[in-house]
Amino acid sequence: VRWKLEREQSWLWTNNKYFFNMVNDMRKNREQAAMRALQDNQGQIPAWALKSVCAHGKSNEEEEAVETRDRVVAYYKVVYKRVADSIPMSLNFLMIHKAADEMRQCLLKVGPDPAAHGPA
């Protein structure tokens, strides 16, 4: 697994649609949870609650920390999926090539392929 991870640059960026959808879903869920917490019994958000949130919102550093956490979680899920998919494929590829090489060597020991030399 280590060699596979070392081969790739480890930027926290990807053009993977799955990654962006996950980050957007996390943002949406966080915003919806905050709105539900502000609702009264009738499902309305009182003006005083919105004013309180605006006056005492998160600092830039806190907001950046939350955004970074969301990106790390989403990126981990994308990377995990890629590694989980690519390691078995790489192992199968290596094993198939090794078996094919061994078979070719055995066949060469038996003798040359008559079809490779053309008609006599």
PDB file of N, CA and C in Angstrom:
ATOM      1  N   VAL A   1       0.836  -1.178   0.000  1.00  0.00           N
ATOM      2  CA  VAL A   1       0.000   0.000   0.000  1.00  0.00           C
ATOM      3  C   VAL A   1       0.886   1.249   0.000  1.00  0.00           C
ATOM      4  N   ARG A   2       1.985   1.192   0.736  1.00  0.00           N
ATOM      5  CA  ARG A   2       2.849   2.370   0.857  1.00  0.00           C
ATOM      6  C   ARG A   2       3.380   2.821  -0.499  1.00  0.00           C
ATOM      7  N   TRP A   3       3.846   1.867  -1.320  1.00  0.00           N
ATOM      8  CA  TRP A   3       4.389   2.246  -2.624  1.00  0.00           C
ATOM      9  C   TRP A   3       3.344   2.894  -3.507  1.00  0.00           C
ATOM     10  N   LYS A   4       2.099   2.463  -3.370  1.00  0.00           N
ATOM     11  CA  LYS A   4       1.013   3.038  -4.166  1.00  0.00           C
ATOM     12  C   LYS A   4       0.753   4.481  -3.744  1.00  0.00           C
ATOM     13  N   LEU A   5       0.777   4.735  -2.449  1.00  0.00           N
ATOM     14  CA  LEU A   5       0.539   6.084  -1.953  1.00  0.00           C
ATOM     15  C   LEU A   5       1.706   7.011  -2.267  1.00  0.00           C
ATOM     16  N   GLU A   6       2.934   6.488  -2.233  1.00  0.00           N
ATOM     17  CA  GLU A   6       4.107   7.310  -2.519  1.00  0.00           C
ATOM     18  C   GLU A   6       4.157   7.721  -3.983  1.00  0.00           C
ATOM     19  N   ARG A   7       3.576   6.928  -4.863  1.00  0.00           N
ATOM     20  CA  ARG A   7       3.596   7.245  -6.289  1.00  0.00           C
ATOM     21  C   ARG A   7       2.710   8.433  -6.629  1.00  0.00           C
ATOM     22  N   GLU A   8       1.722   8.710  -5.826  1.00  0.00           N
ATOM     23  CA  GLU A   8       0.796   9.797  -6.103  1.00  0.00           C
ATOM     24  C   GLU A   8       1.169  11.025  -5.292  1.00  0.00           C
ATOM     25  N   GLN A   9       0.967  12.206  -5.884  1.00  0.00           N
ATOM     26  CA  GLN A   9       1.161  13.420  -5.117  1.00  0.00           C
ATOM     27  C   GLN A   9       0.031  13.512  -4.110  1.00  0.00           C
ATOM     28  N   SER A  10       0.350  13.970  -2.935  1.00  0.00           N
ATOM     29  CA  SER A  10      -0.660  13.972  -1.875  1.00  0.00           C
ATOM     30  C   SER A  10      -1.208  15.373  -1.638  1.00  0.00           C
ATOM     31  N   TRP A  11      -1.713  16.008  -2.697  1.00  0.00           N
ATOM     32  CA  TRP A  11      -2.383  17.285  -2.531  1.00  0.00           C
ATOM     33  C   TRP A  11      -3.802  17.024  -2.054  1.00  0.00           C
ATOM     34  N   LEU A  12      -4.313  17.940  -1.269  1.00  0.00           N
ATOM     35  CA  LEU A  12      -5.685  17.797  -0.782  1.00  0.00           C
ATOM     36  C   LEU A  12      -6.631  18.397  -1.817  1.00  0.00           C
ATOM     37  N   TRP A  13      -6.546  17.896  -3.029  1.00  0.00           N
ATOM     38  CA  TRP A  13      -7.337  18.414  -4.128  1.00  0.00           C
ATOM     39  C   TRP A  13      -7.584  17.280  -5.115  1.00  0.00           C
ATOM     40  N   THR A  14      -8.718  17.300  -5.711  1.00  0.00           N
ATOM     41  CA  THR A  14      -9.040  16.309  -6.723  1.00  0.00           C
ATOM     42  C   THR A  14     -10.167  16.851  -7.580  1.00  0.00           C
ATOM     43  N   ASN A  15     -10.263  16.384  -8.795  1.00  0.00           N
ATOM     44  CA  ASN A  15     -11.389  16.731  -9.654  1.00  0.00           C
ATOM     45  C   ASN A  15     -12.468  15.665  -9.576  1.00  0.00           C
ATOM     46  N   ASN A  16     -12.417  14.866  -8.549  1.00  0.00           N
ATOM     47  CA  ASN A  16     -13.338  13.764  -8.370  1.00  0.00           C
ATOM     48  C   ASN A  16     -14.726  14.292  -7.987  1.00  0.00           C
ATOM     49  N   LYS A  17     -15.725  13.948  -8.779  1.00  0.00           N
ATOM     50  CA  LYS A  17     -17.095  14.398  -8.513  1.00  0.00           C
ATOM     51  C   LYS A  17     -17.593  13.884  -7.165  1.00  0.00           C
ATOM     52  N   TYR A  18     -17.221  12.659  -6.820  1.00  0.00           N
ATOM     53  CA  TYR A  18     -17.604  12.061  -5.536  1.00  0.00           C
ATOM     54  C   TYR A  18     -17.095  12.917  -4.373  1.00  0.00           C
ATOM     55  N   PHE A  19     -15.873  13.416  -4.486  1.00  0.00           N
ATOM     56  CA  PHE A  19     -15.280  14.269  -3.447  1.00  0.00           C
ATOM     57  C   PHE A  19     -16.103  15.548  -3.280  1.00  0.00           C
ATOM     58  N   PHE A  20     -16.370  16.237  -4.377  1.00  0.00           N
ATOM     59  CA  PHE A  20     -17.112  17.489  -4.289  1.00  0.00           C
ATOM     60  C   PHE A  20     -18.530  17.280  -3.790  1.00  0.00           C
ATOM     61  N   ASN A  21     -19.175  16.210  -4.210  1.00  0.00           N
ATOM     62  CA  ASN A  21     -20.521  15.922  -3.717  1.00  0.00           C
ATOM     63  C   ASN A  21     -20.516  15.670  -2.218  1.00  0.00           C
ATOM     64  N   MET A  22     -19.491  14.957  -1.746  1.00  0.00           N
ATOM     65  CA  MET A  22     -19.411  14.684  -0.309  1.00  0.00           C
ATOM     66  C   MET A  22     -19.202  15.968   0.489  1.00  0.00           C
ATOM     67  N   VAL A  23     -18.287  16.832   0.015  1.00  0.00           N
ATOM     68  CA  VAL A  23     -18.038  18.101   0.718  1.00  0.00           C
ATOM     69  C   VAL A  23     -19.311  18.944   0.735  1.00  0.00           C
ATOM     70  N   ASN A  24     -19.992  19.032  -0.394  1.00  0.00           N
ATOM     71  CA  ASN A  24     -21.230  19.810  -0.458  1.00  0.00           C
ATOM     72  C   ASN A  24     -22.317  19.228   0.435  1.00  0.00           C
ATOM     73  N   ASP A  25     -22.426  17.911   0.482  1.00  0.00           N
ATOM     74  CA  ASP A  25     -23.415  17.270   1.367  1.00  0.00           C
ATOM     75  C   ASP A  25     -23.107  17.557   2.829  1.00  0.00           C
ATOM     76  N   MET A  26     -21.829  17.528   3.199  1.00  0.00           N
ATOM     77  CA  MET A  26     -21.462  17.825   4.590  1.00  0.00           C
ATOM     78  C   MET A  26     -21.814  19.265   4.951  1.00  0.00           C
ATOM     79  N   ARG A  27     -21.538  20.197   4.047  1.00  0.00           N
ATOM     80  CA  ARG A  27     -21.900  21.608   4.280  1.00  0.00           C
ATOM     81  C   ARG A  27     -23.409  21.748   4.452  1.00  0.00           C
ATOM     82  N   LYS A  28     -24.152  21.131   3.514  1.00  0.00           N
ATOM     83  CA  LYS A  28     -25.608  21.238   3.549  1.00  0.00           C
ATOM     84  C   LYS A  28     -26.163  20.649   4.845  1.00  0.00           C
ATOM     85  N   ASN A  29     -25.677  19.492   5.261  1.00  0.00           N
ATOM     86  CA  ASN A  29     -26.153  18.869   6.503  1.00  0.00           C
ATOM     87  C   ASN A  29     -25.839  19.728   7.720  1.00  0.00           C
ATOM     88  N   ARG A  30     -24.656  20.332   7.724  1.00  0.00           N
ATOM     89  CA  ARG A  30     -24.282  21.198   8.851  1.00  0.00           C
ATOM     90  C   ARG A  30     -25.187  22.428   8.904  1.00  0.00           C
ATOM     91  N   GLU A  31     -25.457  23.035   7.744  1.00  0.00           N
ATOM     92  CA  GLU A  31     -26.338  24.207   7.700  1.00  0.00           C
ATOM     93  C   GLU A  31     -27.768  23.851   8.092  1.00  0.00           C
ATOM     94  N   GLN A  32     -28.255  22.720   7.619  1.00  0.00           N
ATOM     95  CA  GLN A  32     -29.615  22.307   7.960  1.00  0.00           C
ATOM     96  C   GLN A  32     -29.745  22.013   9.450  1.00  0.00           C
ATOM     97  N   ALA A  33     -28.732  21.402  10.031  1.00  0.00           N
ATOM     98  CA  ALA A  33     -28.763  21.123  11.473  1.00  0.00           C
ATOM     99  C   ALA A  33     -28.772  22.426  12.259  1.00  0.00           C
ATOM    100  N   ALA A  34     -28.007  23.411  11.818  1.00  0.00           N
ATOM    101  CA  ALA A  34     -27.991  24.710  12.503  1.00  0.00           C
ATOM    102  C   ALA A  34     -29.354  25.392  12.397  1.00  0.00           C
ATOM    103  N   MET A  35     -29.980  25.315  11.228  1.00  0.00           N
ATOM    104  CA  MET A  35     -31.297  25.931  11.047  1.00  0.00           C
ATOM    105  C   MET A  35     -32.352  25.225  11.893  1.00  0.00           C
ATOM    106  N   ARG A  36     -32.282  23.886  11.971  1.00  0.00           N
ATOM    107  CA  ARG A  36     -33.245  23.145  12.812  1.00  0.00           C
ATOM    108  C   ARG A  36     -33.087  23.524  14.282  1.00  0.00           C
ATOM    109  N   ALA A  37     -31.856  23.773  14.697  1.00  0.00           N
ATOM    110  CA  ALA A  37     -31.612  24.133  16.098  1.00  0.00           C
ATOM    111  C   ALA A  37     -32.208  25.507  16.426  1.00  0.00           C
ATOM    112  N   LEU A  38     -32.318  26.370  15.432  1.00  0.00           N
ATOM    113  CA  LEU A  38     -32.855  27.719  15.663  1.00  0.00           C
ATOM    114  C   LEU A  38     -34.376  27.781  15.571  1.00  0.00           C
ATOM    115  N   GLN A  39     -35.012  26.764  15.007  1.00  0.00           N
ATOM    116  CA  GLN A  39     -36.461  26.803  14.792  1.00  0.00           C
ATOM    117  C   GLN A  39     -37.229  26.728  16.111  1.00  0.00           C
ATOM    118  N   ASP A  40     -38.363  27.412  16.121  1.00  0.00           N
ATOM    119  CA  ASP A  40     -39.243  27.304  17.282  1.00  0.00           C
ATOM    120  C   ASP A  40     -40.222  26.143  17.062  1.00  0.00           C
ATOM    121  N   ASN A  41     -41.232  26.032  17.900  1.00  0.00           N
ATOM    122  CA  ASN A  41     -42.179  24.916  17.822  1.00  0.00           C
ATOM    123  C   ASN A  41     -42.968  24.880  16.518  1.00  0.00           C
ATOM    124  N   GLN A  42     -43.156  26.032  15.881  1.00  0.00           N
ATOM    125  CA  GLN A  42     -43.903  26.087  14.622  1.00  0.00           C
ATOM    126  C   GLN A  42     -42.992  25.928  13.399  1.00  0.00           C
ATOM    127  N   GLY A  43     -41.726  25.712  13.606  1.00  0.00           N
ATOM    128  CA  GLY A  43     -40.792  25.543  12.496  1.00  0.00           C
ATOM    129  C   GLY A  43     -40.260  26.845  11.935  1.00  0.00           C
ATOM    130  N   GLN A  44     -40.558  27.949  12.599  1.00  0.00           N
ATOM    131  CA  GLN A  44     -40.086  29.266  12.158  1.00  0.00           C
ATOM    132  C   GLN A  44     -38.797  29.628  12.897  1.00  0.00           C
ATOM    133  N   ILE A  45     -37.970  30.424  12.238  1.00  0.00           N
ATOM    134  CA  ILE A  45     -36.741  30.901  12.885  1.00  0.00           C
ATOM    135  C   ILE A  45     -36.976  32.347  13.302  1.00  0.00           C
ATOM    136  N   PRO A  46     -36.974  32.594  14.610  1.00  0.00           N
ATOM    137  CA  PRO A  46     -37.209  33.962  15.086  1.00  0.00           C
ATOM    138  C   PRO A  46     -36.078  34.906  14.650  1.00  0.00           C
ATOM    139  N   ALA A  47     -36.430  36.164  14.464  1.00  0.00           N
ATOM    140  CA  ALA A  47     -35.451  37.172  14.036  1.00  0.00           C
ATOM    141  C   ALA A  47     -34.330  37.310  15.060  1.00  0.00           C
ATOM    142  N   TRP A  48     -34.671  37.235  16.361  1.00  0.00           N
ATOM    143  CA  TRP A  48     -33.639  37.393  17.389  1.00  0.00           C
ATOM    144  C   TRP A  48     -32.589  36.279  17.303  1.00  0.00           C
ATOM    145  N   ALA A  49     -33.023  35.065  16.862  1.00  0.00           N
ATOM    146  CA  ALA A  49     -32.079  33.952  16.735  1.00  0.00           C
ATOM    147  C   ALA A  49     -31.102  34.209  15.584  1.00  0.00           C
ATOM    148  N   LEU A  50     -31.625  34.715  14.468  1.00  0.00           N
ATOM    149  CA  LEU A  50     -30.756  35.029  13.327  1.00  0.00           C
ATOM    150  C   LEU A  50     -29.782  36.155  13.681  1.00  0.00           C
ATOM    151  N   LYS A  51     -30.288  37.186  14.394  1.00  0.00           N
ATOM    152  CA  LYS A  51     -29.403  38.289  14.807  1.00  0.00           C
ATOM    153  C   LYS A  51     -28.310  37.780  15.734  1.00  0.00           C
ATOM    154  N   SER A  52     -28.658  36.867  16.613  1.00  0.00           N
ATOM    155  CA  SER A  52     -27.678  36.302  17.543  1.00  0.00           C
ATOM    156  C   SER A  52     -26.598  35.527  16.800  1.00  0.00           C
ATOM    157  N   VAL A  53     -27.008  34.749  15.804  1.00  0.00           N
ATOM    158  CA  VAL A  53     -26.045  33.970  15.020  1.00  0.00           C
ATOM    159  C   VAL A  53     -25.112  34.903  14.266  1.00  0.00           C
ATOM    160  N   CYS A  54     -25.687  35.952  13.668  1.00  0.00           N
ATOM    161  CA  CYS A  54     -24.862  36.900  12.907  1.00  0.00           C
ATOM    162  C   CYS A  54     -23.903  37.655  13.817  1.00  0.00           C
ATOM    163  N   ALA A  55     -24.351  38.000  15.005  1.00  0.00           N
ATOM    164  CA  ALA A  55     -23.509  38.763  15.929  1.00  0.00           C
ATOM    165  C   ALA A  55     -22.442  37.891  16.582  1.00  0.00           C
ATOM    166  N   HIS A  56     -22.750  36.627  16.815  1.00  0.00           N
ATOM    167  CA  HIS A  56     -21.830  35.742  17.530  1.00  0.00           C
ATOM    168  C   HIS A  56     -21.473  34.511  16.702  1.00  0.00           C
ATOM    169  N   GLY A  57     -21.271  34.715  15.425  1.00  0.00           N
ATOM    170  CA  GLY A  57     -20.935  33.596  14.546  1.00  0.00           C
ATOM    171  C   GLY A  57     -19.517  33.103  14.778  1.00  0.00           C
ATOM    172  N   LYS A  58     -19.122  32.145  14.002  1.00  0.00           N
ATOM    173  CA  LYS A  58     -17.784  31.570  14.127  1.00  0.00           C
ATOM    174  C   LYS A  58     -16.754  32.527  13.547  1.00  0.00           C
ATOM    175  N   SER A  59     -15.574  32.482  14.110  1.00  0.00           N
ATOM    176  CA  SER A  59     -14.478  33.275  13.555  1.00  0.00           C
ATOM    177  C   SER A  59     -14.002  32.652  12.244  1.00  0.00           C
ATOM    178  N   ASN A  60     -13.219  33.387  11.503  1.00  0.00           N
ATOM    179  CA  ASN A  60     -12.681  32.854  10.251  1.00  0.00           C
ATOM    180  C   ASN A  60     -11.874  31.592  10.500  1.00  0.00           C
ATOM    181  N   GLU A  61     -11.106  31.572  11.581  1.00  0.00           N
ATOM    182  CA  GLU A  61     -10.283  30.407  11.897  1.00  0.00           C
ATOM    183  C   GLU A  61     -11.145  29.192  12.215  1.00  0.00           C
ATOM    184  N   GLU A  62     -12.232  29.420  12.967  1.00  0.00           N
ATOM    185  CA  GLU A  62     -13.133  28.311  13.294  1.00  0.00           C
ATOM    186  C   GLU A  62     -13.833  27.784  12.040  1.00  0.00           C
ATOM    187  N   GLU A  63     -14.264  28.699  11.189  1.00  0.00           N
ATOM    188  CA  GLU A  63     -14.937  28.292   9.953  1.00  0.00           C
ATOM    189  C   GLU A  63     -13.965  27.548   9.033  1.00  0.00           C
ATOM    190  N   GLU A  64     -12.733  28.023   8.973  1.00  0.00           N
ATOM    191  CA  GLU A  64     -11.721  27.355   8.153  1.00  0.00           C
ATOM    192  C   GLU A  64     -11.401  25.960   8.698  1.00  0.00           C
ATOM    193  N   ALA A  65     -11.384  25.822  10.018  1.00  0.00           N
ATOM    194  CA  ALA A  65     -11.121  24.511  10.619  1.00  0.00           C
ATOM    195  C   ALA A  65     -12.233  23.525  10.281  1.00  0.00           C
ATOM    196  N   VAL A  66     -13.474  23.976  10.322  1.00  0.00           N
ATOM    197  CA  VAL A  66     -14.607  23.109   9.982  1.00  0.00           C
ATOM    198  C   VAL A  66     -14.541  22.713   8.507  1.00  0.00           C
ATOM    199  N   GLU A  67     -14.251  23.689   7.644  1.00  0.00           N
ATOM    200  CA  GLU A  67     -14.156  23.414   6.201  1.00  0.00           C
ATOM    201  C   GLU A  67     -13.015  22.435   5.912  1.00  0.00           C
ATOM    202  N   THR A  68     -11.889  22.621   6.584  1.00  0.00           N
ATOM    203  CA  THR A  68     -10.744  21.718   6.385  1.00  0.00           C
ATOM    204  C   THR A  68     -11.087  20.309   6.853  1.00  0.00           C
ATOM    205  N   ARG A  69     -11.778  20.204   7.981  1.00  0.00           N
ATOM    206  CA  ARG A  69     -12.186  18.887   8.477  1.00  0.00           C
ATOM    207  C   ARG A  69     -13.084  18.188   7.465  1.00  0.00           C
ATOM    208  N   ASP A  70     -14.044  18.919   6.907  1.00  0.00           N
ATOM    209  CA  ASP A  70     -14.940  18.331   5.903  1.00  0.00           C
ATOM    210  C   ASP A  70     -14.153  17.843   4.692  1.00  0.00           C
ATOM    211  N   ARG A  71     -13.197  18.643   4.223  1.00  0.00           N
ATOM    212  CA  ARG A  71     -12.404  18.254   3.059  1.00  0.00           C
ATOM    213  C   ARG A  71     -11.528  17.041   3.354  1.00  0.00           C
ATOM    214  N   VAL A  72     -10.962  16.991   4.550  1.00  0.00           N
ATOM    215  CA  VAL A  72     -10.115  15.845   4.914  1.00  0.00           C
ATOM    216  C   VAL A  72     -10.948  14.569   4.980  1.00  0.00           C
ATOM    217  N   VAL A  73     -12.117  14.653   5.586  1.00  0.00           N
ATOM    218  CA  VAL A  73     -12.991  13.478   5.685  1.00  0.00           C
ATOM    219  C   VAL A  73     -13.401  13.009   4.290  1.00  0.00           C
ATOM    220  N   ALA A  74     -13.809  13.934   3.432  1.00  0.00           N
ATOM    221  CA  ALA A  74     -14.226  13.567   2.074  1.00  0.00           C
ATOM    222  C   ALA A  74     -13.043  13.012   1.282  1.00  0.00           C
ATOM    223  N   TYR A  75     -11.880  13.641   1.414  1.00  0.00           N
ATOM    224  CA  TYR A  75     -10.702  13.181   0.674  1.00  0.00           C
ATOM    225  C   TYR A  75     -10.289  11.786   1.134  1.00  0.00           C
ATOM    226  N   TYR A  76     -10.368  11.546   2.442  1.00  0.00           N
ATOM    227  CA  TYR A  76     -10.034  10.221   2.976  1.00  0.00           C
ATOM    228  C   TYR A  76     -10.927   9.151   2.346  1.00  0.00           C
ATOM    229  N   LYS A  77     -12.219   9.448   2.238  1.00  0.00           N
ATOM    230  CA  LYS A  77     -13.143   8.472   1.667  1.00  0.00           C
ATOM    231  C   LYS A  77     -12.823   8.207   0.198  1.00  0.00           C
ATOM    232  N   VAL A  78     -12.445   9.257  -0.548  1.00  0.00           N
ATOM    233  CA  VAL A  78     -12.087   9.085  -1.957  1.00  0.00           C
ATOM    234  C   VAL A  78     -10.801   8.273  -2.077  1.00  0.00           C
ATOM    235  N   VAL A  79      -9.798   8.640  -1.274  1.00  0.00           N
ATOM    236  CA  VAL A  79      -8.505   7.940  -1.333  1.00  0.00           C
ATOM    237  C   VAL A  79      -8.671   6.487  -0.910  1.00  0.00           C
ATOM    238  N   TYR A  80      -9.431   6.244   0.141  1.00  0.00           N
ATOM    239  CA  TYR A  80      -9.642   4.878   0.611  1.00  0.00           C
ATOM    240  C   TYR A  80     -10.251   4.026  -0.494  1.00  0.00           C
ATOM    241  N   LYS A  81     -11.226   4.605  -1.180  1.00  0.00           N
ATOM    242  CA  LYS A  81     -11.892   3.874  -2.256  1.00  0.00           C
ATOM    243  C   LYS A  81     -10.911   3.583  -3.391  1.00  0.00           C
ATOM    244  N   ARG A  82     -10.082   4.565  -3.740  1.00  0.00           N
ATOM    245  CA  ARG A  82      -9.111   4.375  -4.824  1.00  0.00           C
ATOM    246  C   ARG A  82      -8.089   3.310  -4.450  1.00  0.00           C
ATOM    247  N   VAL A  83      -7.575   3.372  -3.220  1.00  0.00           N
ATOM    248  CA  VAL A  83      -6.572   2.387  -2.795  1.00  0.00           C
ATOM    249  C   VAL A  83      -7.209   1.008  -2.708  1.00  0.00           C
ATOM    250  N   ALA A  84      -8.411   0.949  -2.140  1.00  0.00           N
ATOM    251  CA  ALA A  84      -9.089  -0.339  -2.005  1.00  0.00           C
ATOM    252  C   ALA A  84      -9.365  -0.961  -3.374  1.00  0.00           C
ATOM    253  N   ASP A  85      -9.623  -0.131  -4.385  1.00  0.00           N
ATOM    254  CA  ASP A  85      -9.863  -0.646  -5.737  1.00  0.00           C
ATOM    255  C   ASP A  85      -8.567  -0.964  -6.472  1.00  0.00           C
ATOM    256  N   SER A  86      -7.542  -0.120  -6.311  1.00  0.00           N
ATOM    257  CA  SER A  86      -6.350  -0.253  -7.140  1.00  0.00           C
ATOM    258  C   SER A  86      -5.371  -1.312  -6.643  1.00  0.00           C
ATOM    259  N   ILE A  87      -5.318  -1.549  -5.347  1.00  0.00           N
ATOM    260  CA  ILE A  87      -4.366  -2.555  -4.836  1.00  0.00           C
ATOM    261  C   ILE A  87      -4.704  -3.948  -5.374  1.00  0.00           C
ATOM    262  N   PRO A  88      -5.940  -4.423  -5.265  1.00  0.00           N
ATOM    263  CA  PRO A  88      -6.231  -5.745  -5.845  1.00  0.00           C
ATOM    264  C   PRO A  88      -5.986  -5.797  -7.356  1.00  0.00           C
ATOM    265  N   MET A  89      -6.311  -4.712  -8.064  1.00  0.00           N
ATOM    266  CA  MET A  89      -6.067  -4.699  -9.506  1.00  0.00           C
ATOM    267  C   MET A  89      -4.572  -4.768  -9.800  1.00  0.00           C
ATOM    268  N   SER A  90      -3.773  -4.042  -9.031  1.00  0.00           N
ATOM    269  CA  SER A  90      -2.314  -4.073  -9.229  1.00  0.00           C
ATOM    270  C   SER A  90      -1.757  -5.451  -8.921  1.00  0.00           C
ATOM    271  N   LEU A  91      -2.229  -6.047  -7.842  1.00  0.00           N
ATOM    272  CA  LEU A  91      -1.745  -7.387  -7.498  1.00  0.00           C
ATOM    273  C   LEU A  91      -2.136  -8.411  -8.555  1.00  0.00           C
ATOM    274  N   ASN A  92      -3.369  -8.338  -9.012  1.00  0.00           N
ATOM    275  CA  ASN A  92      -3.805  -9.255 -10.074  1.00  0.00           C
ATOM    276  C   ASN A  92      -2.970  -9.065 -11.330  1.00  0.00           C
ATOM    277  N   PHE A  93      -2.714  -7.817 -11.703  1.00  0.00           N
ATOM    278  CA  PHE A  93      -1.922  -7.526 -12.885  1.00  0.00           C
ATOM    279  C   PHE A  93      -0.516  -8.117 -12.745  1.00  0.00           C
ATOM    280  N   LEU A  94       0.102  -7.901 -11.581  1.00  0.00           N
ATOM    281  CA  LEU A  94       1.451  -8.426 -11.365  1.00  0.00           C
ATOM    282  C   LEU A  94       1.465  -9.952 -11.376  1.00  0.00           C
ATOM    283  N   MET A  95       0.462 -10.549 -10.757  1.00  0.00           N
ATOM    284  CA  MET A  95       0.407 -12.010 -10.703  1.00  0.00           C
ATOM    285  C   MET A  95       0.165 -12.597 -12.091  1.00  0.00           C
ATOM    286  N   ILE A  96      -0.710 -11.979 -12.872  1.00  0.00           N
ATOM    287  CA  ILE A  96      -0.999 -12.479 -14.219  1.00  0.00           C
ATOM    288  C   ILE A  96       0.244 -12.365 -15.095  1.00  0.00           C
ATOM    289  N   HIS A  97       0.945 -11.247 -14.986  1.00  0.00           N
ATOM    290  CA  HIS A  97       2.168 -11.091 -15.776  1.00  0.00           C
ATOM    291  C   HIS A  97       3.224 -12.110 -15.382  1.00  0.00           C
ATOM    292  N   LYS A  98       3.356 -12.355 -14.092  1.00  0.00           N
ATOM    293  CA  LYS A  98       4.339 -13.333 -13.639  1.00  0.00           C
ATOM    294  C   LYS A  98       3.972 -14.727 -14.161  1.00  0.00           C
ATOM    295  N   ALA A  99       2.710 -15.087 -14.055  1.00  0.00           N
ATOM    296  CA  ALA A  99       2.272 -16.399 -14.537  1.00  0.00           C
ATOM    297  C   ALA A  99       2.459 -16.511 -16.050  1.00  0.00           C
ATOM    298  N   ALA A 100       2.153 -15.442 -16.779  1.00  0.00           N
ATOM    299  CA  ALA A 100       2.324 -15.464 -18.233  1.00  0.00           C
ATOM    300  C   ALA A 100       3.795 -15.598 -18.604  1.00  0.00           C
ATOM    301  N   ASP A 101       4.673 -14.903 -17.888  1.00  0.00           N
ATOM    302  CA  ASP A 101       6.110 -15.018 -18.147  1.00  0.00           C
ATOM    303  C   ASP A 101       6.616 -16.426 -17.862  1.00  0.00           C
ATOM    304  N   GLU A 102       6.139 -17.004 -16.774  1.00  0.00           N
ATOM    305  CA  GLU A 102       6.556 -18.374 -16.431  1.00  0.00           C
ATOM    306  C   GLU A 102       6.079 -19.367 -17.494  1.00  0.00           C
ATOM    307  N   MET A 103       4.850 -19.183 -17.973  1.00  0.00           N
ATOM    308  CA  MET A 103       4.329 -20.072 -19.009  1.00  0.00           C
ATOM    309  C   MET A 103       5.130 -19.903 -20.303  1.00  0.00           C
ATOM    310  N   ARG A 104       5.470 -18.666 -20.653  1.00  0.00           N
ATOM    311  CA  ARG A 104       6.251 -18.420 -21.858  1.00  0.00           C
ATOM    312  C   ARG A 104       7.624 -19.069 -21.757  1.00  0.00           C
ATOM    313  N   GLN A 105       8.254 -18.970 -20.588  1.00  0.00           N
ATOM    314  CA  GLN A 105       9.563 -19.587 -20.385  1.00  0.00           C
ATOM    315  C   GLN A 105       9.474 -21.113 -20.521  1.00  0.00           C
ATOM    316  N   CYS A 106       8.431 -21.702 -19.958  1.00  0.00           N
ATOM    317  CA  CYS A 106       8.246 -23.155 -20.074  1.00  0.00           C
ATOM    318  C   CYS A 106       8.052 -23.564 -21.528  1.00  0.00           C
ATOM    319  N   LEU A 107       7.263 -22.797 -22.262  1.00  0.00           N
ATOM    320  CA  LEU A 107       7.022 -23.115 -23.670  1.00  0.00           C
ATOM    321  C   LEU A 107       8.288 -22.946 -24.500  1.00  0.00           C
ATOM    322  N   LEU A 108       9.109 -21.970 -24.175  1.00  0.00           N
ATOM    323  CA  LEU A 108      10.364 -21.775 -24.915  1.00  0.00           C
ATOM    324  C   LEU A 108      11.338 -22.922 -24.652  1.00  0.00           C
ATOM    325  N   LYS A 109      11.275 -23.518 -23.465  1.00  0.00           N
ATOM    326  CA  LYS A 109      12.136 -24.661 -23.155  1.00  0.00           C
ATOM    327  C   LYS A 109      11.742 -25.874 -23.989  1.00  0.00           C
ATOM    328  N   VAL A 110      10.445 -25.994 -24.283  1.00  0.00           N
ATOM    329  CA  VAL A 110       9.956 -27.123 -25.075  1.00  0.00           C
ATOM    330  C   VAL A 110      10.463 -27.017 -26.497  1.00  0.00           C
ATOM    331  N   GLY A 111      10.488 -25.836 -27.017  1.00  0.00           N
ATOM    332  CA  GLY A 111      10.964 -25.644 -28.386  1.00  0.00           C
ATOM    333  C   GLY A 111      10.362 -24.404 -28.982  1.00  0.00           C
ATOM    334  N   PRO A 112      10.879 -23.982 -30.119  1.00  0.00           N
ATOM    335  CA  PRO A 112      10.350 -22.773 -30.747  1.00  0.00           C
ATOM    336  C   PRO A 112       8.940 -22.995 -31.286  1.00  0.00           C
ATOM    337  N   ASP A 113       8.231 -21.923 -31.370  1.00  0.00           N
ATOM    338  CA  ASP A 113       6.859 -21.960 -31.891  1.00  0.00           C
ATOM    339  C   ASP A 113       6.920 -22.066 -33.409  1.00  0.00           C
ATOM    340  N   PRO A 114       6.419 -23.162 -34.006  1.00  0.00           N
ATOM    341  CA  PRO A 114       6.488 -23.333 -35.452  1.00  0.00           C
ATOM    342  C   PRO A 114       5.734 -22.238 -36.191  1.00  0.00           C
ATOM    343  N   ALA A 115       4.673 -21.696 -35.609  1.00  0.00           N
ATOM    344  CA  ALA A 115       3.886 -20.659 -36.271  1.00  0.00           C
ATOM    345  C   ALA A 115       4.658 -19.352 -36.331  1.00  0.00           C
ATOM    346  N   ALA A 116       5.624 -19.157 -35.419  1.00  0.00           N
ATOM    347  CA  ALA A 116       6.382 -17.906 -35.396  1.00  0.00           C
ATOM    348  C   ALA A 116       7.351 -17.819 -36.574  1.00  0.00           C
ATOM    349  N   HIS A 117       7.754 -18.947 -37.155  1.00  0.00           N
ATOM    350  CA  HIS A 117       8.720 -18.943 -38.252  1.00  0.00           C
ATOM    351  C   HIS A 117       8.057 -18.924 -39.622  1.00  0.00           C
ATOM    352  N   GLY A 118       6.760 -19.023 -39.671  1.00  0.00           N
ATOM    353  CA  GLY A 118       6.044 -18.998 -40.944  1.00  0.00           C
ATOM    354  C   GLY A 118       6.036 -20.388 -41.582  1.00  0.00           C
ATOM    355  N   PRO A 119       5.424 -20.483 -42.751  1.00  0.00           N
ATOM    356  CA  PRO A 119       5.331 -21.792 -43.418  1.00  0.00           C
ATOM    357  C   PRO A 119       6.712 -22.254 -43.920  1.00  0.00           C
ATOM    358  N   ALA A 120       6.932 -23.532 -43.898  1.00  0.00           N
ATOM    359  CA  ALA A 120       8.233 -24.096 -44.311  1.00  0.00           C
ATOM    360  C   ALA A 120       8.299 -24.306 -45.798  1.00  0.00           C
TER     361      ALA A 120
END
